[in-house]
């Protein structure tokens, strides 16, 4: 659990080029989930039930960027993220892609970020 990955993704706000490691992607997902859960709890307590929605809207583009870069890391086109629009099976396929290891060598999207 490394919070620096979260800030790295935010600093590359709308960057859909290059590659992102598994650690960067999954740390961002983890911190996003924790922040959304915290905002849901705070929103329920203070009566502002839309706080988590505002946050999710604010990090939508960075989340898409890191997802596309993660797909690039497995040598897949970023358009594969659109599989998430297909109910049940689509998100499962994208989840498997996100769990796969990086392409060991440089690919069409850039050098291996592990090196």
PDB file of N, CA and C in Angstrom:
ATOM      1  N   UNK A   1       0.854  -1.171   0.000  1.00  0.00           N
ATOM      2  CA  UNK A   1       0.000   0.000   0.000  1.00  0.00           C
ATOM      3  C   UNK A   1       0.899   1.233   0.000  1.00  0.00           C
ATOM      4  N   UNK A   2       0.944   1.883  -1.136  1.00  0.00           N
ATOM      5  CA  UNK A   2       1.833   3.017  -1.303  1.00  0.00           C
ATOM      6  C   UNK A   2       1.046   4.219  -1.817  1.00  0.00           C
ATOM      7  N   UNK A   3       0.806   5.223  -0.974  1.00  0.00           N
ATOM      8  CA  UNK A   3       0.005   6.371  -1.414  1.00  0.00           C
ATOM      9  C   UNK A   3       0.652   7.201  -2.508  1.00  0.00           C
ATOM     10  N   UNK A   4       1.949   7.046  -2.724  1.00  0.00           N
ATOM     11  CA  UNK A   4       2.589   7.838  -3.777  1.00  0.00           C
ATOM     12  C   UNK A   4       2.045   7.471  -5.157  1.00  0.00           C
ATOM     13  N   UNK A   5       1.621   6.215  -5.338  1.00  0.00           N
ATOM     14  CA  UNK A   5       1.030   5.822  -6.611  1.00  0.00           C
ATOM     15  C   UNK A   5      -0.257   6.604  -6.877  1.00  0.00           C
ATOM     16  N   UNK A   6      -1.034   6.839  -5.839  1.00  0.00           N
ATOM     17  CA  UNK A   6      -2.282   7.593  -5.980  1.00  0.00           C
ATOM     18  C   UNK A   6      -1.994   8.986  -6.519  1.00  0.00           C
ATOM     19  N   UNK A   7      -1.000   9.637  -5.952  1.00  0.00           N
ATOM     20  CA  UNK A   7      -0.664  10.991  -6.386  1.00  0.00           C
ATOM     21  C   UNK A   7       0.015  11.000  -7.760  1.00  0.00           C
ATOM     22  N   UNK A   8       0.718   9.921  -8.085  1.00  0.00           N
ATOM     23  CA  UNK A   8       1.299   9.801  -9.417  1.00  0.00           C
ATOM     24  C   UNK A   8       0.201   9.766 -10.474  1.00  0.00           C
ATOM     25  N   UNK A   9      -0.837   8.981 -10.211  1.00  0.00           N
ATOM     26  CA  UNK A   9      -1.958   8.899 -11.158  1.00  0.00           C
ATOM     27  C   UNK A   9      -2.639  10.256 -11.276  1.00  0.00           C
ATOM     28  N   UNK A  10      -2.845  10.938 -10.164  1.00  0.00           N
ATOM     29  CA  UNK A  10      -3.489  12.253 -10.221  1.00  0.00           C
ATOM     30  C   UNK A  10      -2.634  13.268 -10.957  1.00  0.00           C
ATOM     31  N   UNK A  11      -1.323  13.152 -10.840  1.00  0.00           N
ATOM     32  CA  UNK A  11      -0.451  14.105 -11.531  1.00  0.00           C
ATOM     33  C   UNK A  11      -0.436  13.867 -13.042  1.00  0.00           C
ATOM     34  N   UNK A  12      -0.765  12.663 -13.461  1.00  0.00           N
ATOM     35  CA  UNK A  12      -0.865  12.347 -14.902  1.00  0.00           C
ATOM     36  C   UNK A  12      -2.336  12.389 -15.312  1.00  0.00           C
ATOM     37  N   UNK A  13      -3.032  13.427 -14.915  1.00  0.00           N
ATOM     38  CA  UNK A  13      -4.492  13.572 -14.957  1.00  0.00           C
ATOM     39  C   UNK A  13      -5.147  13.004 -16.213  1.00  0.00           C
ATOM     40  N   UNK A  14      -4.848  13.514 -17.363  1.00  0.00           N
ATOM     41  CA  UNK A  14      -5.481  13.071 -18.621  1.00  0.00           C
ATOM     42  C   UNK A  14      -4.467  12.424 -19.555  1.00  0.00           C
ATOM     43  N   UNK A  15      -3.493  11.751 -19.006  1.00  0.00           N
ATOM     44  CA  UNK A  15      -2.454  11.131 -19.810  1.00  0.00           C
ATOM     45  C   UNK A  15      -2.866   9.702 -20.161  1.00  0.00           C
ATOM     46  N   UNK A  16      -3.164   9.480 -21.430  1.00  0.00           N
ATOM     47  CA  UNK A  16      -3.577   8.163 -21.896  1.00  0.00           C
ATOM     48  C   UNK A  16      -2.462   7.480 -22.674  1.00  0.00           C
ATOM     49  N   UNK A  17      -1.259   8.022 -22.598  1.00  0.00           N
ATOM     50  CA  UNK A  17      -0.108   7.463 -23.306  1.00  0.00           C
ATOM     51  C   UNK A  17       0.834   6.795 -22.321  1.00  0.00           C
ATOM     52  N   UNK A  18       1.550   5.803 -22.810  1.00  0.00           N
ATOM     53  CA  UNK A  18       2.540   5.137 -21.972  1.00  0.00           C
ATOM     54  C   UNK A  18       1.975   3.917 -21.278  1.00  0.00           C
ATOM     55  N   UNK A  19       2.686   3.505 -20.242  1.00  0.00           N
ATOM     56  CA  UNK A  19       2.351   2.279 -19.526  1.00  0.00           C
ATOM     57  C   UNK A  19       2.336   2.540 -18.026  1.00  0.00           C
ATOM     58  N   UNK A  20       1.496   1.796 -17.309  1.00  0.00           N
ATOM     59  CA  UNK A  20       1.449   1.858 -15.843  1.00  0.00           C
ATOM     60  C   UNK A  20       1.554   0.449 -15.284  1.00  0.00           C
ATOM     61  N   UNK A  21       2.336   0.318 -14.235  1.00  0.00           N
ATOM     62  CA  UNK A  21       2.528  -0.977 -13.590  1.00  0.00           C
ATOM     63  C   UNK A  21       1.267  -1.434 -12.867  1.00  0.00           C
ATOM     64  N   UNK A  22       1.218  -2.723 -12.571  1.00  0.00           N
ATOM     65  CA  UNK A  22       0.104  -3.270 -11.788  1.00  0.00           C
ATOM     66  C   UNK A  22       0.000  -2.595 -10.442  1.00  0.00           C
ATOM     67  N   UNK A  23       1.137  -2.377  -9.787  1.00  0.00           N
ATOM     68  CA  UNK A  23       1.138  -1.766  -8.461  1.00  0.00           C
ATOM     69  C   UNK A  23       0.509  -0.371  -8.498  1.00  0.00           C
ATOM     70  N   UNK A  24       0.842   0.399  -9.518  1.00  0.00           N
ATOM     71  CA  UNK A  24       0.282   1.749  -9.639  1.00  0.00           C
ATOM     72  C   UNK A  24      -1.234   1.683  -9.794  1.00  0.00           C
ATOM     73  N   UNK A  25      -1.704   0.801 -10.664  1.00  0.00           N
ATOM     74  CA  UNK A  25      -3.134   0.682 -10.912  1.00  0.00           C
ATOM     75  C   UNK A  25      -3.885   0.226  -9.662  1.00  0.00           C
ATOM     76  N   UNK A  26      -3.428  -0.862  -9.051  1.00  0.00           N
ATOM     77  CA  UNK A  26      -4.175  -1.426  -7.923  1.00  0.00           C
ATOM     78  C   UNK A  26      -4.083  -0.562  -6.664  1.00  0.00           C
ATOM     79  N   UNK A  27      -2.974   0.141  -6.460  1.00  0.00           N
ATOM     80  CA  UNK A  27      -2.912   1.087  -5.342  1.00  0.00           C
ATOM     81  C   UNK A  27      -3.882   2.235  -5.559  1.00  0.00           C
ATOM     82  N   UNK A  28      -3.997   2.719  -6.784  1.00  0.00           N
ATOM     83  CA  UNK A  28      -4.958   3.776  -7.082  1.00  0.00           C
ATOM     84  C   UNK A  28      -6.386   3.289  -6.830  1.00  0.00           C
ATOM     85  N   UNK A  29      -6.696   2.082  -7.279  1.00  0.00           N
ATOM     86  CA  UNK A  29      -8.037   1.521  -7.063  1.00  0.00           C
ATOM     87  C   UNK A  29      -8.321   1.379  -5.573  1.00  0.00           C
ATOM     88  N   UNK A  30      -7.356   0.888  -4.812  1.00  0.00           N
ATOM     89  CA  UNK A  30      -7.539   0.714  -3.374  1.00  0.00           C
ATOM     90  C   UNK A  30      -7.792   2.048  -2.672  1.00  0.00           C
ATOM     91  N   UNK A  31      -6.947   3.035  -2.938  1.00  0.00           N
ATOM     92  CA  UNK A  31      -7.125   4.337  -2.285  1.00  0.00           C
ATOM     93  C   UNK A  31      -8.423   5.005  -2.722  1.00  0.00           C
ATOM     94  N   UNK A  32      -8.791   4.843  -3.982  1.00  0.00           N
ATOM     95  CA  UNK A  32     -10.066   5.389  -4.447  1.00  0.00           C
ATOM     96  C   UNK A  32     -11.228   4.772  -3.679  1.00  0.00           C
ATOM     97  N   UNK A  33     -11.201   3.452  -3.529  1.00  0.00           N
ATOM     98  CA  UNK A  33     -12.277   2.763  -2.810  1.00  0.00           C
ATOM     99  C   UNK A  33     -12.352   3.234  -1.358  1.00  0.00           C
ATOM    100  N   UNK A  34     -11.205   3.380  -0.710  1.00  0.00           N
ATOM    101  CA  UNK A  34     -11.200   3.834   0.684  1.00  0.00           C
ATOM    102  C   UNK A  34     -11.727   5.261   0.818  1.00  0.00           C
ATOM    103  N   UNK A  35     -11.342   6.129  -0.109  1.00  0.00           N
ATOM    104  CA  UNK A  35     -11.805   7.514  -0.067  1.00  0.00           C
ATOM    105  C   UNK A  35     -13.309   7.575  -0.325  1.00  0.00           C
ATOM    106  N   UNK A  36     -13.791   6.811  -1.287  1.00  0.00           N
ATOM    107  CA  UNK A  36     -15.230   6.809  -1.578  1.00  0.00           C
ATOM    108  C   UNK A  36     -16.020   6.268  -0.398  1.00  0.00           C
ATOM    109  N   UNK A  37     -15.543   5.199   0.231  1.00  0.00           N
ATOM    110  CA  UNK A  37     -16.230   4.673   1.413  1.00  0.00           C
ATOM    111  C   UNK A  37     -16.249   5.702   2.541  1.00  0.00           C
ATOM    112  N   UNK A  38     -15.127   6.386   2.748  1.00  0.00           N
ATOM    113  CA  UNK A  38     -15.071   7.424   3.769  1.00  0.00           C
ATOM    114  C   UNK A  38     -16.023   8.565   3.466  1.00  0.00           C
ATOM    115  N   UNK A  39     -16.083   8.989   2.215  1.00  0.00           N
ATOM    116  CA  UNK A  39     -16.996  10.068   1.840  1.00  0.00           C
ATOM    117  C   UNK A  39     -18.459   9.641   1.949  1.00  0.00           C
ATOM    118  N   UNK A  40     -18.735   8.389   1.667  1.00  0.00           N
ATOM    119  CA  UNK A  40     -20.103   7.888   1.846  1.00  0.00           C
ATOM    120  C   UNK A  40     -20.512   7.948   3.312  1.00  0.00           C
ATOM    121  N   UNK A  41     -19.592   7.552   4.184  1.00  0.00           N
ATOM    122  CA  UNK A  41     -19.864   7.580   5.618  1.00  0.00           C
ATOM    123  C   UNK A  41     -20.046   9.010   6.112  1.00  0.00           C
ATOM    124  N   UNK A  42     -19.131   9.887   5.745  1.00  0.00           N
ATOM    125  CA  UNK A  42     -19.227  11.296   6.162  1.00  0.00           C
ATOM    126  C   UNK A  42     -20.483  11.938   5.588  1.00  0.00           C
ATOM    127  N   UNK A  43     -20.771  11.647   4.323  1.00  0.00           N
ATOM    128  CA  UNK A  43     -21.962  12.192   3.692  1.00  0.00           C
ATOM    129  C   UNK A  43     -23.234  11.756   4.378  1.00  0.00           C
ATOM    130  N   UNK A  44     -23.275  10.518   4.815  1.00  0.00           N
ATOM    131  CA  UNK A  44     -24.459  10.019   5.530  1.00  0.00           C
ATOM    132  C   UNK A  44     -24.594  10.705   6.885  1.00  0.00           C
ATOM    133  N   UNK A  45     -23.473  10.927   7.544  1.00  0.00           N
ATOM    134  CA  UNK A  45     -23.503  11.555   8.875  1.00  0.00           C
ATOM    135  C   UNK A  45     -23.959  13.001   8.780  1.00  0.00           C
ATOM    136  N   UNK A  46     -23.418  13.751   7.819  1.00  0.00           N
ATOM    137  CA  UNK A  46     -23.753  15.178   7.745  1.00  0.00           C
ATOM    138  C   UNK A  46     -24.914  15.473   6.801  1.00  0.00           C
ATOM    139  N   UNK A  47     -25.462  14.453   6.157  1.00  0.00           N
ATOM    140  CA  UNK A  47     -26.636  14.638   5.319  1.00  0.00           C
ATOM    141  C   UNK A  47     -26.361  15.065   3.891  1.00  0.00           C
ATOM    142  N   UNK A  48     -25.111  14.972   3.449  1.00  0.00           N
ATOM    143  CA  UNK A  48     -24.767  15.293   2.058  1.00  0.00           C
ATOM    144  C   UNK A  48     -24.427  13.983   1.340  1.00  0.00           C
ATOM    145  N   UNK A  49     -25.440  13.328   0.852  1.00  0.00           N
ATOM    146  CA  UNK A  49     -25.268  11.985   0.299  1.00  0.00           C
ATOM    147  C   UNK A  49     -24.579  11.963  -1.062  1.00  0.00           C
ATOM    148  N   UNK A  50     -24.287  13.111  -1.631  1.00  0.00           N
ATOM    149  CA  UNK A  50     -23.693  13.172  -2.955  1.00  0.00           C
ATOM    150  C   UNK A  50     -22.184  13.422  -2.926  1.00  0.00           C
ATOM    151  N   UNK A  51     -21.575  13.493  -1.746  1.00  0.00           N
ATOM    152  CA  UNK A  51     -20.137  13.777  -1.665  1.00  0.00           C
ATOM    153  C   UNK A  51     -19.303  12.769  -2.442  1.00  0.00           C
ATOM    154  N   UNK A  52     -19.607  11.495  -2.261  1.00  0.00           N
ATOM    155  CA  UNK A  52     -18.822  10.470  -2.948  1.00  0.00           C
ATOM    156  C   UNK A  52     -19.019  10.548  -4.461  1.00  0.00           C
ATOM    157  N   UNK A  53     -20.181  10.976  -4.905  1.00  0.00           N
ATOM    158  CA  UNK A  53     -20.421  11.123  -6.346  1.00  0.00           C
ATOM    159  C   UNK A  53     -19.589  12.257  -6.931  1.00  0.00           C
ATOM    160  N   UNK A  54     -19.468  13.346  -6.205  1.00  0.00           N
ATOM    161  CA  UNK A  54     -18.632  14.459  -6.658  1.00  0.00           C
ATOM    162  C   UNK A  54     -17.172  14.035  -6.764  1.00  0.00           C
ATOM    163  N   UNK A  55     -16.713  13.289  -5.769  1.00  0.00           N
ATOM    164  CA  UNK A  55     -15.333  12.804  -5.795  1.00  0.00           C
ATOM    165  C   UNK A  55     -15.125  11.844  -6.979  1.00  0.00           C
ATOM    166  N   UNK A  56     -16.070  10.921  -7.173  1.00  0.00           N
ATOM    167  CA  UNK A  56     -15.951   9.963  -8.274  1.00  0.00           C
ATOM    168  C   UNK A  56     -15.918  10.682  -9.620  1.00  0.00           C
ATOM    169  N   UNK A  57     -16.696  11.725  -9.753  1.00  0.00           N
ATOM    170  CA  UNK A  57     -16.688  12.514 -10.980  1.00  0.00           C
ATOM    171  C   UNK A  57     -15.344  13.227 -11.163  1.00  0.00           C
ATOM    172  N   UNK A  58     -14.772  13.695 -10.065  1.00  0.00           N
ATOM    173  CA  UNK A  58     -13.491  14.415 -10.124  1.00  0.00           C
ATOM    174  C   UNK A  58     -12.337  13.501 -10.523  1.00  0.00           C
ATOM    175  N   UNK A  59     -12.375  12.234 -10.145  1.00  0.00           N
ATOM    176  CA  UNK A  59     -11.268  11.322 -10.456  1.00  0.00           C
ATOM    177  C   UNK A  59     -11.590  10.387 -11.625  1.00  0.00           C
ATOM    178  N   UNK A  60     -12.674  10.663 -12.339  1.00  0.00           N
ATOM    179  CA  UNK A  60     -13.043   9.804 -13.464  1.00  0.00           C
ATOM    180  C   UNK A  60     -11.953   9.775 -14.544  1.00  0.00           C
ATOM    181  N   UNK A  61     -11.478  10.934 -14.975  1.00  0.00           N
ATOM    182  CA  UNK A  61     -10.451  10.972 -16.025  1.00  0.00           C
ATOM    183  C   UNK A  61      -9.117  10.362 -15.585  1.00  0.00           C
ATOM    184  N   UNK A  62      -8.630  10.652 -14.363  1.00  0.00           N
ATOM    185  CA  UNK A  62      -7.406   9.959 -13.941  1.00  0.00           C
ATOM    186  C   UNK A  62      -7.592   8.438 -13.874  1.00  0.00           C
ATOM    187  N   UNK A  63      -8.782   7.986 -13.448  1.00  0.00           N
ATOM    188  CA  UNK A  63      -9.043   6.550 -13.373  1.00  0.00           C
ATOM    189  C   UNK A  63      -9.055   5.923 -14.764  1.00  0.00           C
ATOM    190  N   UNK A  64      -9.641   6.618 -15.720  1.00  0.00           N
ATOM    191  CA  UNK A  64      -9.640   6.113 -17.098  1.00  0.00           C
ATOM    192  C   UNK A  64      -8.219   6.107 -17.655  1.00  0.00           C
ATOM    193  N   UNK A  65      -7.456   7.147 -17.347  1.00  0.00           N
ATOM    194  CA  UNK A  65      -6.080   7.224 -17.826  1.00  0.00           C
ATOM    195  C   UNK A  65      -5.228   6.078 -17.316  1.00  0.00           C
ATOM    196  N   UNK A  66      -5.313   5.790 -16.028  1.00  0.00           N
ATOM    197  CA  UNK A  66      -4.492   4.712 -15.473  1.00  0.00           C
ATOM    198  C   UNK A  66      -4.979   3.354 -15.975  1.00  0.00           C
ATOM    199  N   UNK A  67      -6.276   3.202 -16.214  1.00  0.00           N
ATOM    200  CA  UNK A  67      -6.789   1.941 -16.761  1.00  0.00           C
ATOM    201  C   UNK A  67      -6.270   1.726 -18.182  1.00  0.00           C
ATOM    202  N   UNK A  68      -6.280   2.774 -18.992  1.00  0.00           N
ATOM    203  CA  UNK A  68      -5.768   2.667 -20.359  1.00  0.00           C
ATOM    204  C   UNK A  68      -4.267   2.379 -20.344  1.00  0.00           C
ATOM    205  N   UNK A  69      -3.520   3.074 -19.488  1.00  0.00           N
ATOM    206  CA  UNK A  69      -2.078   2.818 -19.408  1.00  0.00           C
ATOM    207  C   UNK A  69      -1.788   1.409 -18.918  1.00  0.00           C
ATOM    208  N   UNK A  70      -2.628   0.895 -18.020  1.00  0.00           N
ATOM    209  CA  UNK A  70      -2.465  -0.484 -17.537  1.00  0.00           C
ATOM    210  C   UNK A  70      -2.706  -1.478 -18.674  1.00  0.00           C
ATOM    211  N   UNK A  71      -3.719  -1.224 -19.491  1.00  0.00           N
ATOM    212  CA  UNK A  71      -3.947  -2.088 -20.652  1.00  0.00           C
ATOM    213  C   UNK A  71      -2.776  -2.009 -21.624  1.00  0.00           C
ATOM    214  N   UNK A  72      -2.230  -0.813 -21.798  1.00  0.00           N
ATOM    215  CA  UNK A  72      -1.036  -0.664 -22.641  1.00  0.00           C
ATOM    216  C   UNK A  72       0.113  -1.503 -22.097  1.00  0.00           C
ATOM    217  N   UNK A  73       0.220  -1.604 -20.785  1.00  0.00           N
ATOM    218  CA  UNK A  73       1.304  -2.358 -20.171  1.00  0.00           C
ATOM    219  C   UNK A  73       1.197  -3.846 -20.500  1.00  0.00           C
ATOM    220  N   UNK A  74      -0.031  -4.324 -20.731  1.00  0.00           N
ATOM    221  CA  UNK A  74      -0.224  -5.727 -21.112  1.00  0.00           C
ATOM    222  C   UNK A  74      -0.284  -5.869 -22.632  1.00  0.00           C
ATOM    223  N   UNK A  75       0.138  -4.816 -23.352  1.00  0.00           N
ATOM    224  CA  UNK A  75       0.192  -4.771 -24.816  1.00  0.00           C
ATOM    225  C   UNK A  75      -1.186  -4.900 -25.453  1.00  0.00           C
ATOM    226  N   UNK A  76      -2.164  -4.226 -24.852  1.00  0.00           N
ATOM    227  CA  UNK A  76      -3.511  -4.148 -25.407  1.00  0.00           C
ATOM    228  C   UNK A  76      -3.875  -2.695 -25.636  1.00  0.00           C
ATOM    229  N   UNK A  77      -4.702  -2.486 -26.624  1.00  0.00           N
ATOM    230  CA  UNK A  77      -5.189  -1.143 -26.931  1.00  0.00           C
ATOM    231  C   UNK A  77      -6.074  -0.645 -25.786  1.00  0.00           C
ATOM    232  N   UNK A  78      -6.034   0.637 -25.515  1.00  0.00           N
ATOM    233  CA  UNK A  78      -6.836   1.221 -24.449  1.00  0.00           C
ATOM    234  C   UNK A  78      -8.330   1.119 -24.672  1.00  0.00           C
ATOM    235  N   UNK A  79      -8.738   0.904 -25.907  1.00  0.00           N
ATOM    236  CA  UNK A  79     -10.165   0.778 -26.201  1.00  0.00           C
ATOM    237  C   UNK A  79     -10.778  -0.466 -25.559  1.00  0.00           C
ATOM    238  N   UNK A  80      -9.961  -1.402 -25.125  1.00  0.00           N
ATOM    239  CA  UNK A  80     -10.471  -2.592 -24.437  1.00  0.00           C
ATOM    240  C   UNK A  80     -11.233  -2.217 -23.164  1.00  0.00           C
ATOM    241  N   UNK A  81     -10.970  -1.043 -22.621  1.00  0.00           N
ATOM    242  CA  UNK A  81     -11.664  -0.617 -21.410  1.00  0.00           C
ATOM    243  C   UNK A  81     -13.174  -0.496 -21.661  1.00  0.00           C
ATOM    244  N   UNK A  82     -13.563  -0.315 -22.908  1.00  0.00           N
ATOM    245  CA  UNK A  82     -14.987  -0.218 -23.238  1.00  0.00           C
ATOM    246  C   UNK A  82     -15.728  -1.537 -23.047  1.00  0.00           C
ATOM    247  N   UNK A  83     -14.993  -2.636 -22.869  1.00  0.00           N
ATOM    248  CA  UNK A  83     -15.643  -3.911 -22.553  1.00  0.00           C
ATOM    249  C   UNK A  83     -16.440  -3.818 -21.250  1.00  0.00           C
ATOM    250  N   UNK A  84     -16.078  -2.893 -20.400  1.00  0.00           N
ATOM    251  CA  UNK A  84     -16.793  -2.727 -19.130  1.00  0.00           C
ATOM    252  C   UNK A  84     -18.255  -2.349 -19.347  1.00  0.00           C
ATOM    253  N   UNK A  85     -18.585  -1.883 -20.537  1.00  0.00           N
ATOM    254  CA  UNK A  85     -19.972  -1.519 -20.835  1.00  0.00           C
ATOM    255  C   UNK A  85     -20.851  -2.740 -21.090  1.00  0.00           C
ATOM    256  N   UNK A  86     -20.234  -3.896 -21.335  1.00  0.00           N
ATOM    257  CA  UNK A  86     -20.991  -5.134 -21.525  1.00  0.00           C
ATOM    258  C   UNK A  86     -21.265  -5.727 -20.137  1.00  0.00           C
ATOM    259  N   UNK A  87     -22.532  -5.925 -19.784  1.00  0.00           N
ATOM    260  CA  UNK A  87     -22.846  -6.426 -18.438  1.00  0.00           C
ATOM    261  C   UNK A  87     -22.181  -7.768 -18.136  1.00  0.00           C
ATOM    262  N   UNK A  88     -21.750  -7.912 -16.905  1.00  0.00           N
ATOM    263  CA  UNK A  88     -21.185  -9.108 -16.278  1.00  0.00           C
ATOM    264  C   UNK A  88     -19.883  -9.589 -16.933  1.00  0.00           C
ATOM    265  N   UNK A  89     -19.933 -10.027 -18.177  1.00  0.00           N
ATOM    266  CA  UNK A  89     -18.749 -10.613 -18.806  1.00  0.00           C
ATOM    267  C   UNK A  89     -17.679  -9.572 -19.128  1.00  0.00           C
ATOM    268  N   UNK A  90     -18.063  -8.392 -19.576  1.00  0.00           N
ATOM    269  CA  UNK A  90     -17.102  -7.357 -19.946  1.00  0.00           C
ATOM    270  C   UNK A  90     -16.192  -6.939 -18.807  1.00  0.00           C
ATOM    271  N   UNK A  91     -16.763  -6.541 -17.648  1.00  0.00           N
ATOM    272  CA  UNK A  91     -15.894  -6.175 -16.519  1.00  0.00           C
ATOM    273  C   UNK A  91     -15.006  -7.321 -16.042  1.00  0.00           C
ATOM    274  N   UNK A  92     -15.500  -8.541 -16.155  1.00  0.00           N
ATOM    275  CA  UNK A  92     -14.694  -9.697 -15.749  1.00  0.00           C
ATOM    276  C   UNK A  92     -13.469  -9.850 -16.656  1.00  0.00           C
ATOM    277  N   UNK A  93     -13.640  -9.666 -17.950  1.00  0.00           N
ATOM    278  CA  UNK A  93     -12.525  -9.764 -18.891  1.00  0.00           C
ATOM    279  C   UNK A  93     -11.507  -8.661 -18.620  1.00  0.00           C
ATOM    280  N   UNK A  94     -11.988  -7.431 -18.404  1.00  0.00           N
ATOM    281  CA  UNK A  94     -11.083  -6.308 -18.128  1.00  0.00           C
ATOM    282  C   UNK A  94     -10.352  -6.545 -16.805  1.00  0.00           C
ATOM    283  N   UNK A  95     -11.031  -7.097 -15.811  1.00  0.00           N
ATOM    284  CA  UNK A  95     -10.398  -7.419 -14.535  1.00  0.00           C
ATOM    285  C   UNK A  95      -9.236  -8.386 -14.739  1.00  0.00           C
ATOM    286  N   UNK A  96      -9.436  -9.403 -15.571  1.00  0.00           N
ATOM    287  CA  UNK A  96      -8.364 -10.362 -15.848  1.00  0.00           C
ATOM    288  C   UNK A  96      -7.191  -9.650 -16.515  1.00  0.00           C
ATOM    289  N   UNK A  97      -7.474  -8.772 -17.473  1.00  0.00           N
ATOM    290  CA  UNK A  97      -6.405  -8.024 -18.134  1.00  0.00           C
ATOM    291  C   UNK A  97      -5.612  -7.188 -17.125  1.00  0.00           C
ATOM    292  N   UNK A  98      -6.312  -6.579 -16.173  1.00  0.00           N
ATOM    293  CA  UNK A  98      -5.647  -5.722 -15.187  1.00  0.00           C
ATOM    294  C   UNK A  98      -4.776  -6.534 -14.230  1.00  0.00           C
ATOM    295  N   UNK A  99      -5.097  -7.804 -14.063  1.00  0.00           N
ATOM    296  CA  UNK A  99      -4.325  -8.666 -13.163  1.00  0.00           C
ATOM    297  C   UNK A  99      -3.106  -9.298 -13.827  1.00  0.00           C
ATOM    298  N   UNK A 100      -3.077  -9.306 -15.152  1.00  0.00           N
ATOM    299  CA  UNK A 100      -1.960  -9.924 -15.867  1.00  0.00           C
ATOM    300  C   UNK A 100      -0.667  -9.149 -15.638  1.00  0.00           C
ATOM    301  N   UNK A 101       0.436  -9.867 -15.757  1.00  0.00           N
ATOM    302  CA  UNK A 101       1.748  -9.246 -15.611  1.00  0.00           C
ATOM    303  C   UNK A 101       2.068  -8.392 -16.837  1.00  0.00           C
ATOM    304  N   UNK A 102       2.993  -7.490 -16.645  1.00  0.00           N
ATOM    305  CA  UNK A 102       3.418  -6.600 -17.718  1.00  0.00           C
ATOM    306  C   UNK A 102       4.055  -7.373 -18.860  1.00  0.00           C
ATOM    307  N   UNK A 103       3.997  -6.771 -20.036  1.00  0.00           N
ATOM    308  CA  UNK A 103       4.772  -7.275 -21.155  1.00  0.00           C
ATOM    309  C   UNK A 103       6.239  -7.044 -20.791  1.00  0.00           C
ATOM    310  N   UNK A 104       7.037  -8.090 -20.786  1.00  0.00           N
ATOM    311  CA  UNK A 104       8.407  -8.020 -20.260  1.00  0.00           C
ATOM    312  C   UNK A 104       9.309  -7.052 -21.014  1.00  0.00           C
ATOM    313  N   UNK A 105       9.083  -6.900 -22.293  1.00  0.00           N
ATOM    314  CA  UNK A 105       9.936  -6.045 -23.115  1.00  0.00           C
ATOM    315  C   UNK A 105       9.216  -4.753 -23.452  1.00  0.00           C
ATOM    316  N   UNK A 106       9.929  -3.886 -24.129  1.00  0.00           N
ATOM    317  CA  UNK A 106       9.287  -2.681 -24.647  1.00  0.00           C
ATOM    318  C   UNK A 106       8.253  -3.117 -25.681  1.00  0.00           C
ATOM    319  N   UNK A 107       7.112  -2.436 -25.693  1.00  0.00           N
ATOM    320  CA  UNK A 107       6.096  -2.739 -26.694  1.00  0.00           C
ATOM    321  C   UNK A 107       5.747  -1.456 -27.443  1.00  0.00           C
ATOM    322  N   UNK A 108       4.680  -1.479 -28.210  1.00  0.00           N
ATOM    323  CA  UNK A 108       4.325  -0.317 -29.020  1.00  0.00           C
ATOM    324  C   UNK A 108       3.933   0.889 -28.187  1.00  0.00           C
ATOM    325  N   UNK A 109       3.687   0.696 -26.896  1.00  0.00           N
ATOM    326  CA  UNK A 109       3.263   1.792 -26.010  1.00  0.00           C
ATOM    327  C   UNK A 109       4.395   2.360 -25.166  1.00  0.00           C
ATOM    328  N   UNK A 110       5.571   1.779 -25.260  1.00  0.00           N
ATOM    329  CA  UNK A 110       6.711   2.318 -24.535  1.00  0.00           C
ATOM    330  C   UNK A 110       7.537   1.243 -23.859  1.00  0.00           C
ATOM    331  N   UNK A 111       8.570   1.681 -23.137  1.00  0.00           N
ATOM    332  CA  UNK A 111       9.435   0.729 -22.423  1.00  0.00           C
ATOM    333  C   UNK A 111       8.721   0.158 -21.196  1.00  0.00           C
ATOM    334  N   UNK A 112       9.225  -0.958 -20.714  1.00  0.00           N
ATOM    335  CA  UNK A 112       8.665  -1.603 -19.532  1.00  0.00           C
ATOM    336  C   UNK A 112       8.864  -0.680 -18.331  1.00  0.00           C
ATOM    337  N   UNK A 113       7.793  -0.324 -17.605  1.00  0.00           N
ATOM    338  CA  UNK A 113       7.945   0.590 -16.458  1.00  0.00           C
ATOM    339  C   UNK A 113       8.633  -0.059 -15.248  1.00  0.00           C
ATOM    340  N   UNK A 114       8.764  -1.370 -15.253  1.00  0.00           N
ATOM    341  CA  UNK A 114       9.436  -2.059 -14.146  1.00  0.00           C
ATOM    342  C   UNK A 114      10.942  -1.865 -14.187  1.00  0.00           C
ATOM    343  N   UNK A 115      11.457  -1.588 -15.374  1.00  0.00           N
ATOM    344  CA  UNK A 115      12.918  -1.480 -15.540  1.00  0.00           C
ATOM    345  C   UNK A 115      13.413  -0.105 -15.251  1.00  0.00           C
TER     346      UNK A 115
END
